[in-house]
Structures are given as C-alpha cells and as structure tokens.
Amino acid sequence: MIRHVVAFRLSAEDDVERREQVAEIKLRLEALCDVVPGVINIEVHSDLGLIATHWHAVLVADYESNDVLEAYQAHPRHLEVIRWMNQGVVTDRAVVDFEVL
C-alpha cells in the first residue's frame, strides 16, 4: 500500500477564511475516494492552529499501489480540484509518498 501525504499552506490570512478553505478542500478531495478503483482512503485535516509556522492542512490518502496513485493523480476530477486549488487557495505544498507494509 502507498500512503500519500500532502501538507498545504493556504492563501487566507484570516482564521475564519482559512477554516472555510480547509472545509472546501476536504469536501472536494474526500469526494474523490471512489474515482479510481484501488483508492483505499482519502482524508483531509486542519492543523490545530496553535503554532504559526505549521502548515495549515494535510491530506493523507492510501492507495493499493503506486499505479493506482498515478491513475488517481491523472484523473480529470482530481485535476479539476488541483486547478481550483491553484487559483489562489493553496500557496505551497509538501508531498511525501511511502510504502506501508
């Protein structure tokens, strides 16, 4: 199984707006769990907001294989969410993919 972890920095500087952005990211990404066979789980979580230097949100997703992850990343519905996020919602990303045995 492949675990895909993405940390996001968001554009909103206001806490309320940032929470709204995280909620919308969560809604859009978690809805993609069934777009490709082999996607096991997709979760989006907000940081507690206690430390200013922390990233604002994180996606944690599990895939049966790297081939499934690649198919998911190329899927038109996923690309649509990415385009929306790149239009001023997300300012930076950090990604780690690793195998879970």
N, C-alpha and C. Protein backbone atom coordinates (compact mmCIF):
# COMPACT_ATOMS: atom_id res chain seq x y z
N MET A 1 0.85 -1.17 0.00
CA MET A 1 0.00 0.00 0.00
C MET A 1 0.89 1.24 0.00
N ILE A 2 0.45 2.25 -0.72
CA ILE A 2 1.17 3.52 -0.79
C ILE A 2 0.39 4.56 0.01
N ARG A 3 1.08 5.25 0.91
CA ARG A 3 0.48 6.37 1.63
C ARG A 3 1.01 7.66 1.00
N HIS A 4 0.09 8.53 0.66
CA HIS A 4 0.37 9.81 0.00
C HIS A 4 -0.01 10.91 0.99
N VAL A 5 0.98 11.71 1.40
CA VAL A 5 0.75 12.76 2.39
C VAL A 5 1.12 14.10 1.74
N VAL A 6 0.17 15.04 1.81
CA VAL A 6 0.40 16.37 1.24
C VAL A 6 0.05 17.41 2.28
N ALA A 7 1.01 18.24 2.64
CA ALA A 7 0.76 19.36 3.54
C ALA A 7 0.54 20.61 2.68
N PHE A 8 -0.43 21.43 3.10
CA PHE A 8 -0.80 22.62 2.33
C PHE A 8 -0.61 23.88 3.16
N ARG A 9 -0.07 24.91 2.52
CA ARG A 9 -0.13 26.28 3.05
C ARG A 9 -1.22 26.97 2.23
N LEU A 10 -2.10 27.65 2.93
CA LEU A 10 -3.23 28.29 2.28
C LEU A 10 -3.04 29.79 2.17
N SER A 11 -3.76 30.40 1.25
CA SER A 11 -3.60 31.82 0.99
C SER A 11 -4.27 32.70 2.04
N ALA A 12 -5.34 32.21 2.65
CA ALA A 12 -6.10 33.02 3.61
C ALA A 12 -5.25 33.36 4.82
N GLU A 13 -5.30 34.61 5.23
CA GLU A 13 -4.60 35.02 6.43
C GLU A 13 -5.53 35.08 7.63
N ASP A 14 -6.81 35.19 7.38
CA ASP A 14 -7.84 35.23 8.41
C ASP A 14 -8.20 33.80 8.82
N ASP A 15 -8.29 33.54 10.12
CA ASP A 15 -8.58 32.18 10.61
C ASP A 15 -9.91 31.65 10.10
N VAL A 16 -10.93 32.48 10.05
CA VAL A 16 -12.25 32.03 9.60
C VAL A 16 -12.18 31.65 8.12
N GLU A 17 -11.56 32.49 7.31
CA GLU A 17 -11.43 32.19 5.89
C GLU A 17 -10.59 30.93 5.67
N ARG A 18 -9.54 30.77 6.47
CA ARG A 18 -8.69 29.58 6.35
C ARG A 18 -9.48 28.32 6.68
N ARG A 19 -10.30 28.36 7.72
CA ARG A 19 -11.13 27.20 8.06
C ARG A 19 -12.11 26.89 6.93
N GLU A 20 -12.63 27.92 6.30
CA GLU A 20 -13.53 27.72 5.16
C GLU A 20 -12.79 27.07 3.99
N GLN A 21 -11.56 27.51 3.74
CA GLN A 21 -10.76 26.91 2.66
C GLN A 21 -10.49 25.45 2.96
N VAL A 22 -10.11 25.12 4.20
CA VAL A 22 -9.85 23.73 4.56
C VAL A 22 -11.11 22.91 4.38
N ALA A 23 -12.23 23.43 4.80
CA ALA A 23 -13.50 22.69 4.67
C ALA A 23 -13.82 22.41 3.20
N GLU A 24 -13.56 23.37 2.33
CA GLU A 24 -13.83 23.17 0.91
C GLU A 24 -12.84 22.19 0.29
N ILE A 25 -11.57 22.27 0.67
CA ILE A 25 -10.58 21.31 0.20
C ILE A 25 -10.98 19.91 0.64
N LYS A 26 -11.36 19.77 1.90
CA LYS A 26 -11.80 18.48 2.44
C LYS A 26 -12.97 17.93 1.65
N LEU A 27 -13.97 18.75 1.42
CA LEU A 27 -15.15 18.35 0.67
C LEU A 27 -14.78 17.86 -0.73
N ARG A 28 -13.97 18.63 -1.42
CA ARG A 28 -13.63 18.31 -2.81
C ARG A 28 -12.72 17.08 -2.92
N LEU A 29 -11.71 16.99 -2.07
CA LEU A 29 -10.77 15.86 -2.19
C LEU A 29 -11.35 14.57 -1.65
N GLU A 30 -12.02 14.61 -0.53
CA GLU A 30 -12.58 13.37 0.02
C GLU A 30 -13.67 12.80 -0.88
N ALA A 31 -14.30 13.64 -1.68
CA ALA A 31 -15.32 13.17 -2.63
C ALA A 31 -14.71 12.34 -3.75
N LEU A 32 -13.38 12.37 -3.89
CA LEU A 32 -12.70 11.65 -4.97
C LEU A 32 -12.30 10.23 -4.59
N CYS A 33 -12.67 9.78 -3.43
CA CYS A 33 -12.24 8.47 -2.95
C CYS A 33 -12.65 7.33 -3.89
N ASP A 34 -13.74 7.49 -4.62
CA ASP A 34 -14.25 6.41 -5.47
C ASP A 34 -13.98 6.61 -6.97
N VAL A 35 -13.15 7.60 -7.34
CA VAL A 35 -12.98 7.86 -8.77
C VAL A 35 -12.11 6.82 -9.47
N VAL A 36 -11.24 6.17 -8.74
CA VAL A 36 -10.35 5.16 -9.33
C VAL A 36 -10.37 3.93 -8.43
N PRO A 37 -10.60 2.74 -9.00
CA PRO A 37 -10.51 1.53 -8.18
C PRO A 37 -9.13 1.41 -7.55
N GLY A 38 -9.09 1.02 -6.30
CA GLY A 38 -7.81 0.87 -5.61
C GLY A 38 -7.47 2.02 -4.69
N VAL A 39 -8.30 3.08 -4.72
CA VAL A 39 -8.13 4.15 -3.73
C VAL A 39 -8.76 3.63 -2.44
N ILE A 40 -7.97 3.53 -1.40
CA ILE A 40 -8.44 2.95 -0.14
C ILE A 40 -9.10 4.01 0.75
N ASN A 41 -8.45 5.15 0.87
CA ASN A 41 -8.94 6.17 1.79
C ASN A 41 -8.34 7.52 1.44
N ILE A 42 -9.13 8.58 1.62
CA ILE A 42 -8.65 9.96 1.47
C ILE A 42 -9.21 10.75 2.64
N GLU A 43 -8.32 11.41 3.38
CA GLU A 43 -8.73 12.26 4.50
C GLU A 43 -8.00 13.59 4.41
N VAL A 44 -8.70 14.65 4.75
CA VAL A 44 -8.10 15.98 4.85
C VAL A 44 -8.37 16.50 6.26
N HIS A 45 -7.32 17.04 6.88
CA HIS A 45 -7.43 17.55 8.24
C HIS A 45 -6.80 18.93 8.34
N SER A 46 -7.35 19.73 9.23
CA SER A 46 -6.83 21.07 9.50
C SER A 46 -5.84 21.00 10.67
N ASP A 47 -4.79 21.80 10.59
CA ASP A 47 -3.88 21.94 11.71
C ASP A 47 -4.61 22.58 12.88
N LEU A 48 -4.17 22.34 14.08
CA LEU A 48 -4.80 22.92 15.26
C LEU A 48 -4.69 24.45 15.30
N GLY A 49 -3.72 24.98 14.57
CA GLY A 49 -3.58 26.44 14.52
C GLY A 49 -2.89 27.04 15.73
N LEU A 50 -2.19 26.23 16.50
CA LEU A 50 -1.56 26.72 17.71
C LEU A 50 -0.16 27.29 17.48
N ILE A 51 0.46 26.88 16.38
CA ILE A 51 1.83 27.33 16.09
C ILE A 51 1.84 27.94 14.69
N ALA A 52 2.23 29.19 14.61
CA ALA A 52 2.12 29.96 13.36
C ALA A 52 2.91 29.36 12.20
N THR A 53 3.98 28.67 12.47
CA THR A 53 4.81 28.14 11.39
C THR A 53 4.34 26.80 10.84
N HIS A 54 3.33 26.20 11.46
CA HIS A 54 2.81 24.93 10.96
C HIS A 54 2.10 25.12 9.62
N TRP A 55 2.07 24.06 8.84
CA TRP A 55 1.28 24.05 7.61
C TRP A 55 -0.19 24.03 8.02
N HIS A 56 -1.06 24.54 7.16
CA HIS A 56 -2.46 24.75 7.53
C HIS A 56 -3.33 23.50 7.45
N ALA A 57 -3.02 22.61 6.54
CA ALA A 57 -3.87 21.43 6.34
C ALA A 57 -3.02 20.29 5.80
N VAL A 58 -3.56 19.08 5.92
CA VAL A 58 -2.86 17.91 5.40
C VAL A 58 -3.85 16.94 4.77
N LEU A 59 -3.44 16.34 3.69
CA LEU A 59 -4.16 15.24 3.07
C LEU A 59 -3.38 13.97 3.37
N VAL A 60 -4.09 12.93 3.80
CA VAL A 60 -3.48 11.61 4.00
C VAL A 60 -4.35 10.65 3.22
N ALA A 61 -3.74 9.97 2.24
CA ALA A 61 -4.50 9.07 1.38
C ALA A 61 -3.73 7.77 1.19
N ASP A 62 -4.48 6.68 1.08
CA ASP A 62 -3.89 5.36 0.89
C ASP A 62 -4.37 4.76 -0.43
N TYR A 63 -3.43 4.13 -1.14
CA TYR A 63 -3.69 3.54 -2.45
C TYR A 63 -3.12 2.13 -2.46
N GLU A 64 -3.78 1.24 -3.18
CA GLU A 64 -3.30 -0.14 -3.24
C GLU A 64 -1.90 -0.26 -3.82
N SER A 65 -1.56 0.66 -4.74
CA SER A 65 -0.25 0.59 -5.40
C SER A 65 0.11 1.97 -5.94
N ASN A 66 1.35 2.12 -6.36
CA ASN A 66 1.77 3.38 -6.98
C ASN A 66 1.04 3.60 -8.31
N ASP A 67 0.73 2.52 -9.03
CA ASP A 67 -0.03 2.65 -10.28
C ASP A 67 -1.41 3.27 -10.01
N VAL A 68 -2.04 2.88 -8.92
CA VAL A 68 -3.34 3.46 -8.56
C VAL A 68 -3.17 4.94 -8.22
N LEU A 69 -2.13 5.28 -7.45
CA LEU A 69 -1.86 6.68 -7.13
C LEU A 69 -1.67 7.50 -8.40
N GLU A 70 -0.90 6.97 -9.34
CA GLU A 70 -0.67 7.69 -10.59
C GLU A 70 -1.96 7.86 -11.39
N ALA A 71 -2.80 6.83 -11.42
CA ALA A 71 -4.09 6.92 -12.12
C ALA A 71 -4.98 7.96 -11.45
N TYR A 72 -4.99 7.99 -10.13
CA TYR A 72 -5.77 8.98 -9.38
C TYR A 72 -5.28 10.39 -9.70
N GLN A 73 -3.96 10.59 -9.67
CA GLN A 73 -3.42 11.93 -9.91
C GLN A 73 -3.71 12.43 -11.32
N ALA A 74 -3.85 11.54 -12.28
CA ALA A 74 -4.12 11.93 -13.66
C ALA A 74 -5.62 11.99 -13.97
N HIS A 75 -6.47 11.59 -13.03
CA HIS A 75 -7.90 11.55 -13.28
C HIS A 75 -8.45 12.98 -13.46
N PRO A 76 -9.33 13.18 -14.43
CA PRO A 76 -9.86 14.53 -14.70
C PRO A 76 -10.52 15.20 -13.50
N ARG A 77 -11.20 14.46 -12.67
CA ARG A 77 -11.84 15.08 -11.49
C ARG A 77 -10.80 15.55 -10.48
N HIS A 78 -9.72 14.80 -10.33
CA HIS A 78 -8.63 15.24 -9.44
C HIS A 78 -7.96 16.48 -10.02
N LEU A 79 -7.71 16.46 -11.31
CA LEU A 79 -7.07 17.62 -11.95
C LEU A 79 -7.93 18.87 -11.83
N GLU A 80 -9.25 18.70 -11.85
CA GLU A 80 -10.16 19.83 -11.67
C GLU A 80 -10.01 20.44 -10.28
N VAL A 81 -9.89 19.61 -9.26
CA VAL A 81 -9.69 20.11 -7.90
C VAL A 81 -8.34 20.82 -7.79
N ILE A 82 -7.32 20.25 -8.39
CA ILE A 82 -5.99 20.86 -8.35
C ILE A 82 -6.03 22.24 -9.02
N ARG A 83 -6.70 22.34 -10.17
CA ARG A 83 -6.81 23.65 -10.84
C ARG A 83 -7.48 24.67 -9.91
N TRP A 84 -8.56 24.26 -9.24
CA TRP A 84 -9.25 25.16 -8.31
C TRP A 84 -8.31 25.58 -7.18
N MET A 85 -7.56 24.63 -6.62
CA MET A 85 -6.66 24.94 -5.52
C MET A 85 -5.54 25.89 -5.96
N ASN A 86 -5.12 25.76 -7.21
CA ASN A 86 -4.04 26.60 -7.73
C ASN A 86 -4.51 28.01 -8.11
N GLN A 87 -5.79 28.27 -8.03
CA GLN A 87 -6.32 29.59 -8.35
C GLN A 87 -6.44 30.46 -7.10
N GLY A 88 -5.41 30.45 -6.28
CA GLY A 88 -5.35 31.33 -5.14
C GLY A 88 -5.74 30.74 -3.81
N VAL A 89 -6.02 29.44 -3.74
CA VAL A 89 -6.37 28.81 -2.46
C VAL A 89 -5.12 28.29 -1.75
N VAL A 90 -4.30 27.55 -2.48
CA VAL A 90 -3.09 26.95 -1.92
C VAL A 90 -1.87 27.72 -2.43
N THR A 91 -0.99 28.09 -1.50
CA THR A 91 0.22 28.81 -1.90
C THR A 91 1.44 27.91 -1.99
N ASP A 92 1.40 26.77 -1.28
CA ASP A 92 2.56 25.87 -1.30
C ASP A 92 2.12 24.48 -0.86
N ARG A 93 2.86 23.47 -1.32
CA ARG A 93 2.60 22.07 -0.97
C ARG A 93 3.92 21.39 -0.63
N ALA A 94 3.81 20.40 0.26
CA ALA A 94 4.94 19.50 0.53
C ALA A 94 4.35 18.09 0.45
N VAL A 95 5.02 17.21 -0.30
CA VAL A 95 4.46 15.89 -0.57
C VAL A 95 5.46 14.80 -0.17
N VAL A 96 4.93 13.75 0.45
CA VAL A 96 5.72 12.55 0.74
C VAL A 96 4.86 11.34 0.40
N ASP A 97 5.40 10.43 -0.40
CA ASP A 97 4.77 9.15 -0.70
C ASP A 97 5.67 8.05 -0.13
N PHE A 98 5.05 7.09 0.55
CA PHE A 98 5.86 6.00 1.08
C PHE A 98 5.04 4.71 1.13
N GLU A 99 5.76 3.60 1.18
CA GLU A 99 5.11 2.30 1.21
C GLU A 99 4.81 1.92 2.65
N VAL A 100 3.59 1.45 2.86
CA VAL A 100 3.16 0.95 4.16
C VAL A 100 3.09 -0.57 4.05
N LEU A 101 3.85 -1.25 4.86
CA LEU A 101 3.88 -2.71 4.79
C LEU A 101 2.90 -3.34 5.76
